[in-house]
Amino acid sequence: MEMKIKKVFIHGLGQTPSSWDKVISQLNLNEDAICPEIAKLMKLKENRATYSSLYSAFSNRINEEKGYLSLCGLSLGGVLALNYAIDYPEKVKSLVLIAAQYKMPKKLLKFQNAIFRFMPNSMFEKIGLKKGDFIELSKSMMELDFSAFIHKIKCPTLIIYGNKDKANMKASIELADKISDSELKVLNGIGHEVNMEAPKELAEILKDFFLRNE
């Protein structure tokens, strides 16, 4: 009996695994869906809220799964998915990158951190992290650049962004150009959090993509 391909859904910073609930329910995946929680992963490694610690915990968790995986990540989740697909191409059957960057926009991250500093701690605690964790994580990502490694991705890749998400439009278009076996989908009238804003539309796109690339 052939083993089913597990689907891994990785949420963005400021979201939780439940941010994928409506999408997953439309796909009827049940036990075939994995939704790692970024807050928990960040607490597993050295108690440091850095990207390298987060990625190490993430890749260790995903490597526990046997067989092929299909990764679907949004924003920070997309960065983790991209990083993993570069490092473990033999494990990744297909890849979905939503509003993802491959070379971190320093100005945007600095602006984001400036906003974080003025937000109350309670806003961050809702997702299990401290304000300082958000700031340290964003700071640690500023030098990330996967430009020289994107050619390692050979699996079918779907790149998605909402046309109202101007901050991630350019990177999405460039990723589609740089990844050899890729396709690009633009969702009209949708912003950054595609999984929250358009779960039904996203699920239909993913269903078609997964069926074509099992």
C-alpha atoms as a PDB file:
ATOM      1  CA  MET A   1       0.000   0.000   0.000  1.00  0.00           C
ATOM      2  CA  GLU A   2       1.428   3.353  -1.056  1.00  0.00           C
ATOM      3  CA  MET A   3       2.016   5.821   1.755  1.00  0.00           C
ATOM      4  CA  LYS A   4      -0.018   9.017   1.490  1.00  0.00           C
ATOM      5  CA  ILE A   5       1.923  12.238   1.067  1.00  0.00           C
ATOM      6  CA  LYS A   6       1.659  14.323   4.228  1.00  0.00           C
ATOM      7  CA  LYS A   7       0.751  17.980   3.725  1.00  0.00           C
ATOM      8  CA  VAL A   8       2.592  20.423   5.984  1.00  0.00           C
ATOM      9  CA  PHE A   9       0.944  23.818   6.520  1.00  0.00           C
ATOM     10  CA  ILE A  10       3.179  26.460   8.098  1.00  0.00           C
ATOM     11  CA  HIS A  11       1.548  29.622   9.384  1.00  0.00           C
ATOM     12  CA  GLY A  12       2.913  33.156   9.337  1.00  0.00           C
ATOM     13  CA  LEU A  13       4.278  35.234  12.196  1.00  0.00           C
ATOM     14  CA  GLY A  14       1.326  36.546  14.184  1.00  0.00           C
ATOM     15  CA  GLN A  15      -0.813  33.553  13.218  1.00  0.00           C
ATOM     16  CA  THR A  16      -1.364  30.154  14.853  1.00  0.00           C
ATOM     17  CA  PRO A  17      -1.984  26.666  13.382  1.00  0.00           C
ATOM     18  CA  SER A  18      -5.732  27.374  13.583  1.00  0.00           C
ATOM     19  CA  SER A  19      -5.227  29.984  10.857  1.00  0.00           C
ATOM     20  CA  TRP A  20      -5.234  27.015   8.457  1.00  0.00           C
ATOM     21  CA  ASP A  21      -8.393  25.360   9.842  1.00  0.00           C
ATOM     22  CA  LYS A  22     -10.813  26.607   7.180  1.00  0.00           C
ATOM     23  CA  VAL A  23      -8.446  25.714   4.359  1.00  0.00           C
ATOM     24  CA  ILE A  24      -7.749  22.213   5.690  1.00  0.00           C
ATOM     25  CA  SER A  25     -11.433  21.493   6.327  1.00  0.00           C
ATOM     26  CA  GLN A  26     -12.149  22.284   2.652  1.00  0.00           C
ATOM     27  CA  LEU A  27      -9.409  19.861   1.589  1.00  0.00           C
ATOM     28  CA  ASN A  28     -10.658  16.970   3.776  1.00  0.00           C
ATOM     29  CA  LEU A  29      -7.122  15.965   4.721  1.00  0.00           C
ATOM     30  CA  ASN A  30      -7.746  14.918   8.338  1.00  0.00           C
ATOM     31  CA  GLU A  31      -4.713  12.975   9.620  1.00  0.00           C
ATOM     32  CA  ASP A  32      -2.712  13.761   6.474  1.00  0.00           C
ATOM     33  CA  ALA A  33      -2.262  17.417   7.513  1.00  0.00           C
ATOM     34  CA  ILE A  34       0.498  18.657   9.816  1.00  0.00           C
ATOM     35  CA  CYS A  35       0.436  22.191  11.250  1.00  0.00           C
ATOM     36  CA  PRO A  36       3.559  22.923  13.297  1.00  0.00           C
ATOM     37  CA  GLU A  37       3.196  25.780  15.790  1.00  0.00           C
ATOM     38  CA  ILE A  38       5.905  28.413  15.485  1.00  0.00           C
ATOM     39  CA  ALA A  39       5.596  29.528  19.132  1.00  0.00           C
ATOM     40  CA  LYS A  40       6.231  25.968  20.368  1.00  0.00           C
ATOM     41  CA  LEU A  41       9.081  25.371  17.935  1.00  0.00           C
ATOM     42  CA  MET A  42      10.811  28.548  19.081  1.00  0.00           C
ATOM     43  CA  LYS A  43      10.779  27.284  22.659  1.00  0.00           C
ATOM     44  CA  LEU A  44      12.449  23.985  21.760  1.00  0.00           C
ATOM     45  CA  LYS A  45      15.852  25.360  20.812  1.00  0.00           C
ATOM     46  CA  GLU A  46      18.123  27.220  23.240  1.00  0.00           C
ATOM     47  CA  ASN A  47      15.282  29.513  24.303  1.00  0.00           C
ATOM     48  CA  ARG A  48      16.483  31.888  21.587  1.00  0.00           C
ATOM     49  CA  ALA A  49      13.983  33.552  19.298  1.00  0.00           C
ATOM     50  CA  THR A  50      16.272  33.525  16.259  1.00  0.00           C
ATOM     51  CA  TYR A  51      15.550  32.297  12.763  1.00  0.00           C
ATOM     52  CA  SER A  52      18.338  29.695  12.878  1.00  0.00           C
ATOM     53  CA  SER A  53      16.956  28.206  16.102  1.00  0.00           C
ATOM     54  CA  LEU A  54      13.424  28.208  14.709  1.00  0.00           C
ATOM     55  CA  TYR A  55      14.496  26.595  11.438  1.00  0.00           C
ATOM     56  CA  SER A  56      16.520  23.938  13.268  1.00  0.00           C
ATOM     57  CA  ALA A  57      13.499  23.005  15.408  1.00  0.00           C
ATOM     58  CA  PHE A  58      11.210  23.088  12.354  1.00  0.00           C
ATOM     59  CA  SER A  59      13.420  20.864  10.196  1.00  0.00           C
ATOM     60  CA  ASN A  60      13.927  18.398  13.065  1.00  0.00           C
ATOM     61  CA  ARG A  61      10.150  18.141  13.487  1.00  0.00           C
ATOM     62  CA  ILE A  62       9.486  17.681   9.769  1.00  0.00           C
ATOM     63  CA  ASN A  63      12.274  15.122   9.395  1.00  0.00           C
ATOM     64  CA  GLU A  64      10.383  12.882  11.821  1.00  0.00           C
ATOM     65  CA  GLU A  65       7.840  12.245   9.050  1.00  0.00           C
ATOM     66  CA  LYS A  66       8.473   9.262   6.798  1.00  0.00           C
ATOM     67  CA  GLY A  67       8.078   9.473   3.051  1.00  0.00           C
ATOM     68  CA  TYR A  68       7.467  12.476   0.824  1.00  0.00           C
ATOM     69  CA  LEU A  69       5.999  15.767   2.021  1.00  0.00           C
ATOM     70  CA  SER A  70       4.114  18.607   0.382  1.00  0.00           C
ATOM     71  CA  LEU A  71       4.930  21.921   2.067  1.00  0.00           C
ATOM     72  CA  CYS A  72       2.619  24.935   2.079  1.00  0.00           C
ATOM     73  CA  GLY A  73       3.831  28.035   3.922  1.00  0.00           C
ATOM     74  CA  LEU A  74       2.638  31.615   4.249  1.00  0.00           C
ATOM     75  CA  SER A  75       4.997  34.544   4.889  1.00  0.00           C
ATOM     76  CA  LEU A  76       7.455  33.348   7.582  1.00  0.00           C
ATOM     77  CA  GLY A  77       6.001  29.873   6.992  1.00  0.00           C
ATOM     78  CA  GLY A  78       6.879  30.287   3.326  1.00  0.00           C
ATOM     79  CA  VAL A  79      10.470  31.176   4.214  1.00  0.00           C
ATOM     80  CA  LEU A  80      10.730  28.029   6.365  1.00  0.00           C
ATOM     81  CA  ALA A  81       9.221  25.911   3.574  1.00  0.00           C
ATOM     82  CA  LEU A  82      11.597  27.392   0.991  1.00  0.00           C
ATOM     83  CA  ASN A  83      14.597  26.834   3.273  1.00  0.00           C
ATOM     84  CA  TYR A  84      13.580  23.202   3.900  1.00  0.00           C
ATOM     85  CA  ALA A  85      12.974  22.485   0.199  1.00  0.00           C
ATOM     86  CA  ILE A  86      16.491  23.762  -0.557  1.00  0.00           C
ATOM     87  CA  ASP A  87      18.076  21.662   2.209  1.00  0.00           C
ATOM     88  CA  TYR A  88      16.033  18.465   1.736  1.00  0.00           C
ATOM     89  CA  PRO A  89      14.960  18.315  -1.936  1.00  0.00           C
ATOM     90  CA  GLU A  90      14.696  14.517  -1.746  1.00  0.00           C
ATOM     91  CA  LYS A  91      11.866  14.805   0.829  1.00  0.00           C
ATOM     92  CA  VAL A  92       9.711  17.465  -0.822  1.00  0.00           C
ATOM     93  CA  LYS A  93       7.180  16.248  -3.386  1.00  0.00           C
ATOM     94  CA  SER A  94       5.657  19.683  -3.982  1.00  0.00           C
ATOM     95  CA  LEU A  95       5.953  23.193  -2.600  1.00  0.00           C
ATOM     96  CA  VAL A  96       3.492  26.070  -2.118  1.00  0.00           C
ATOM     97  CA  LEU A  97       4.845  29.511  -1.230  1.00  0.00           C
ATOM     98  CA  ILE A  98       2.303  32.155  -0.251  1.00  0.00           C
ATOM     99  CA  ALA A  99       3.436  35.777   0.156  1.00  0.00           C
ATOM    100  CA  ALA A 100       6.994  34.527   0.697  1.00  0.00           C
ATOM    101  CA  GLN A 101      10.340  36.281   0.420  1.00  0.00           C
ATOM    102  CA  TYR A 102      13.617  34.661  -0.636  1.00  0.00           C
ATOM    103  CA  LYS A 103      15.823  37.675   0.158  1.00  0.00           C
ATOM    104  CA  MET A 104      14.679  39.502   3.249  1.00  0.00           C
ATOM    105  CA  PRO A 105      13.663  43.139   2.747  1.00  0.00           C
ATOM    106  CA  LYS A 106      15.677  44.872   5.494  1.00  0.00           C
ATOM    107  CA  LYS A 107      13.746  48.147   5.370  1.00  0.00           C
ATOM    108  CA  LEU A 108      10.428  46.330   5.744  1.00  0.00           C
ATOM    109  CA  LEU A 109      11.699  44.261   8.684  1.00  0.00           C
ATOM    110  CA  LYS A 110      13.068  47.376  10.412  1.00  0.00           C
ATOM    111  CA  PHE A 111       9.747  49.159   9.920  1.00  0.00           C
ATOM    112  CA  GLN A 112       7.895  46.104  11.224  1.00  0.00           C
ATOM    113  CA  ASN A 113      10.101  45.993  14.326  1.00  0.00           C
ATOM    114  CA  ALA A 114       9.488  49.688  14.975  1.00  0.00           C
ATOM    115  CA  ILE A 115       5.743  48.972  14.982  1.00  0.00           C
ATOM    116  CA  PHE A 116       6.219  45.945  17.264  1.00  0.00           C
ATOM    117  CA  ARG A 117       7.923  48.133  19.878  1.00  0.00           C
ATOM    118  CA  PHE A 118       4.811  50.282  20.284  1.00  0.00           C
ATOM    119  CA  MET A 119       2.356  47.390  20.484  1.00  0.00           C
ATOM    120  CA  PRO A 120       1.217  46.090  23.908  1.00  0.00           C
ATOM    121  CA  ASN A 121       2.638  42.779  25.149  1.00  0.00           C
ATOM    122  CA  SER A 122      -0.878  41.319  25.280  1.00  0.00           C
ATOM    123  CA  MET A 123      -1.047  41.403  21.462  1.00  0.00           C
ATOM    124  CA  PHE A 124       1.887  38.987  21.272  1.00  0.00           C
ATOM    125  CA  GLU A 125       0.985  36.767  24.210  1.00  0.00           C
ATOM    126  CA  LYS A 126      -2.188  35.665  22.418  1.00  0.00           C
ATOM    127  CA  ILE A 127      -0.048  33.505  20.152  1.00  0.00           C
ATOM    128  CA  GLY A 128       2.301  32.292  22.880  1.00  0.00           C
ATOM    129  CA  LEU A 129       5.262  34.631  22.356  1.00  0.00           C
ATOM    130  CA  LYS A 130       6.688  37.762  23.927  1.00  0.00           C
ATOM    131  CA  LYS A 131       7.173  41.077  22.196  1.00  0.00           C
ATOM    132  CA  GLY A 132      10.939  40.625  22.480  1.00  0.00           C
ATOM    133  CA  ASP A 133      10.667  37.277  20.643  1.00  0.00           C
ATOM    134  CA  PHE A 134       9.051  38.941  17.636  1.00  0.00           C
ATOM    135  CA  ILE A 135      11.676  41.681  17.567  1.00  0.00           C
ATOM    136  CA  GLU A 136      14.619  39.287  17.960  1.00  0.00           C
ATOM    137  CA  LEU A 137      13.260  36.918  15.305  1.00  0.00           C
ATOM    138  CA  SER A 138      12.730  39.709  12.772  1.00  0.00           C
ATOM    139  CA  LYS A 139      16.184  41.122  13.493  1.00  0.00           C
ATOM    140  CA  SER A 140      17.813  37.703  13.003  1.00  0.00           C
ATOM    141  CA  MET A 141      16.175  37.339   9.571  1.00  0.00           C
ATOM    142  CA  MET A 142      17.564  40.531   8.051  1.00  0.00           C
ATOM    143  CA  GLU A 143      20.593  38.835   6.454  1.00  0.00           C
ATOM    144  CA  LEU A 144      18.698  35.848   5.022  1.00  0.00           C
ATOM    145  CA  ASP A 145      19.205  35.450   1.297  1.00  0.00           C
ATOM    146  CA  PHE A 146      18.425  32.206  -0.573  1.00  0.00           C
ATOM    147  CA  SER A 147      19.159  33.629  -4.042  1.00  0.00           C
ATOM    148  CA  ALA A 148      22.160  31.376  -4.663  1.00  0.00           C
ATOM    149  CA  PHE A 149      20.288  28.197  -3.669  1.00  0.00           C
ATOM    150  CA  ILE A 150      16.895  28.491  -5.350  1.00  0.00           C
ATOM    151  CA  HIS A 151      18.150  26.453  -8.316  1.00  0.00           C
ATOM    152  CA  LYS A 152      18.196  23.406  -5.999  1.00  0.00           C
ATOM    153  CA  ILE A 153      14.382  23.352  -5.951  1.00  0.00           C
ATOM    154  CA  LYS A 154      13.248  20.914  -8.648  1.00  0.00           C
ATOM    155  CA  CYS A 155       9.819  19.883  -7.323  1.00  0.00           C
ATOM    156  CA  PRO A 156       6.574  21.374  -8.689  1.00  0.00           C
ATOM    157  CA  THR A 157       6.111  24.727  -6.973  1.00  0.00           C
ATOM    158  CA  LEU A 158       3.049  26.946  -6.705  1.00  0.00           C
ATOM    159  CA  ILE A 159       3.580  30.601  -5.797  1.00  0.00           C
ATOM    160  CA  ILE A 160       0.594  32.624  -4.585  1.00  0.00           C
ATOM    161  CA  TYR A 161       0.042  36.201  -3.509  1.00  0.00           C
ATOM    162  CA  GLY A 162      -2.899  38.567  -3.090  1.00  0.00           C
ATOM    163  CA  ASN A 163      -2.841  41.563  -5.404  1.00  0.00           C
ATOM    164  CA  LYS A 164      -3.355  43.891  -2.414  1.00  0.00           C
ATOM    165  CA  ASP A 165      -0.158  42.544  -0.797  1.00  0.00           C
ATOM    166  CA  LYS A 166       2.226  44.985  -2.489  1.00  0.00           C
ATOM    167  CA  ALA A 167       5.103  44.170  -0.092  1.00  0.00           C
ATOM    168  CA  ASN A 168       5.370  40.579  -1.357  1.00  0.00           C
ATOM    169  CA  MET A 169       4.348  40.963  -4.994  1.00  0.00           C
ATOM    170  CA  LYS A 170       7.839  41.511  -6.452  1.00  0.00           C
ATOM    171  CA  ALA A 171       9.429  38.598  -4.557  1.00  0.00           C
ATOM    172  CA  SER A 172       6.606  36.256  -5.606  1.00  0.00           C
ATOM    173  CA  ILE A 173       7.012  37.127  -9.287  1.00  0.00           C
ATOM    174  CA  GLU A 174      10.792  36.718  -9.039  1.00  0.00           C
ATOM    175  CA  LEU A 175      10.442  33.342  -7.286  1.00  0.00           C
ATOM    176  CA  ALA A 176       8.200  32.104 -10.098  1.00  0.00           C
ATOM    177  CA  ASP A 177      10.865  33.171 -12.567  1.00  0.00           C
ATOM    178  CA  LYS A 178      13.756  31.580 -10.629  1.00  0.00           C
ATOM    179  CA  ILE A 179      12.180  28.186  -9.795  1.00  0.00           C
ATOM    180  CA  SER A 180      12.263  25.983 -12.880  1.00  0.00           C
ATOM    181  CA  ASP A 181       9.024  23.987 -12.343  1.00  0.00           C
ATOM    182  CA  SER A 182       6.753  26.703 -10.989  1.00  0.00           C
ATOM    183  CA  GLU A 183       3.433  28.409 -11.567  1.00  0.00           C
ATOM    184  CA  LEU A 184       2.126  31.724 -10.245  1.00  0.00           C
ATOM    185  CA  LYS A 185      -1.373  32.509  -8.972  1.00  0.00           C
ATOM    186  CA  VAL A 186      -2.606  35.995  -8.109  1.00  0.00           C
ATOM    187  CA  LEU A 187      -5.738  36.360  -5.961  1.00  0.00           C
ATOM    188  CA  ASN A 188      -7.614  39.557  -6.741  1.00  0.00           C
ATOM    189  CA  GLY A 189      -8.924  41.669  -3.881  1.00  0.00           C
ATOM    190  CA  ILE A 190      -6.897  39.697  -1.321  1.00  0.00           C
ATOM    191  CA  GLY A 191      -4.159  40.961   1.006  1.00  0.00           C
ATOM    192  CA  HIS A 192      -1.335  39.259   2.880  1.00  0.00           C
ATOM    193  CA  GLU A 193      -3.130  36.600   4.959  1.00  0.00           C
ATOM    194  CA  VAL A 194      -4.510  34.552   2.105  1.00  0.00           C
ATOM    195  CA  ASN A 195      -5.341  31.563   4.333  1.00  0.00           C
ATOM    196  CA  MET A 196      -7.560  33.769   6.506  1.00  0.00           C
ATOM    197  CA  GLU A 197      -8.988  36.094   3.864  1.00  0.00           C
ATOM    198  CA  ALA A 198      -9.789  33.575   1.127  1.00  0.00           C
ATOM    199  CA  PRO A 199      -9.745  30.046   2.603  1.00  0.00           C
ATOM    200  CA  LYS A 200     -12.252  28.591   0.148  1.00  0.00           C
ATOM    201  CA  GLU A 201     -10.539  29.991  -2.947  1.00  0.00           C
ATOM    202  CA  LEU A 202      -7.128  28.951  -1.636  1.00  0.00           C
ATOM    203  CA  ALA A 203      -8.368  25.424  -0.878  1.00  0.00           C
ATOM    204  CA  GLU A 204      -9.655  25.024  -4.444  1.00  0.00           C
ATOM    205  CA  ILE A 205      -6.293  26.108  -5.857  1.00  0.00           C
ATOM    206  CA  LEU A 206      -4.401  23.770  -3.513  1.00  0.00           C
ATOM    207  CA  LYS A 207      -6.720  20.837  -4.240  1.00  0.00           C
ATOM    208  CA  ASP A 208      -6.027  21.130  -7.959  1.00  0.00           C
ATOM    209  CA  PHE A 209      -2.280  21.571  -7.418  1.00  0.00           C
ATOM    210  CA  PHE A 210      -1.972  18.597  -5.034  1.00  0.00           C
ATOM    211  CA  LEU A 211      -3.991  16.323  -7.347  1.00  0.00           C
ATOM    212  CA  ARG A 212      -1.735  17.169 -10.304  1.00  0.00           C
ATOM    213  CA  ASN A 213       1.444  16.583  -8.300  1.00  0.00           C
ATOM    214  CA  GLU A 214       0.817  13.518  -6.125  1.00  0.00           C
END
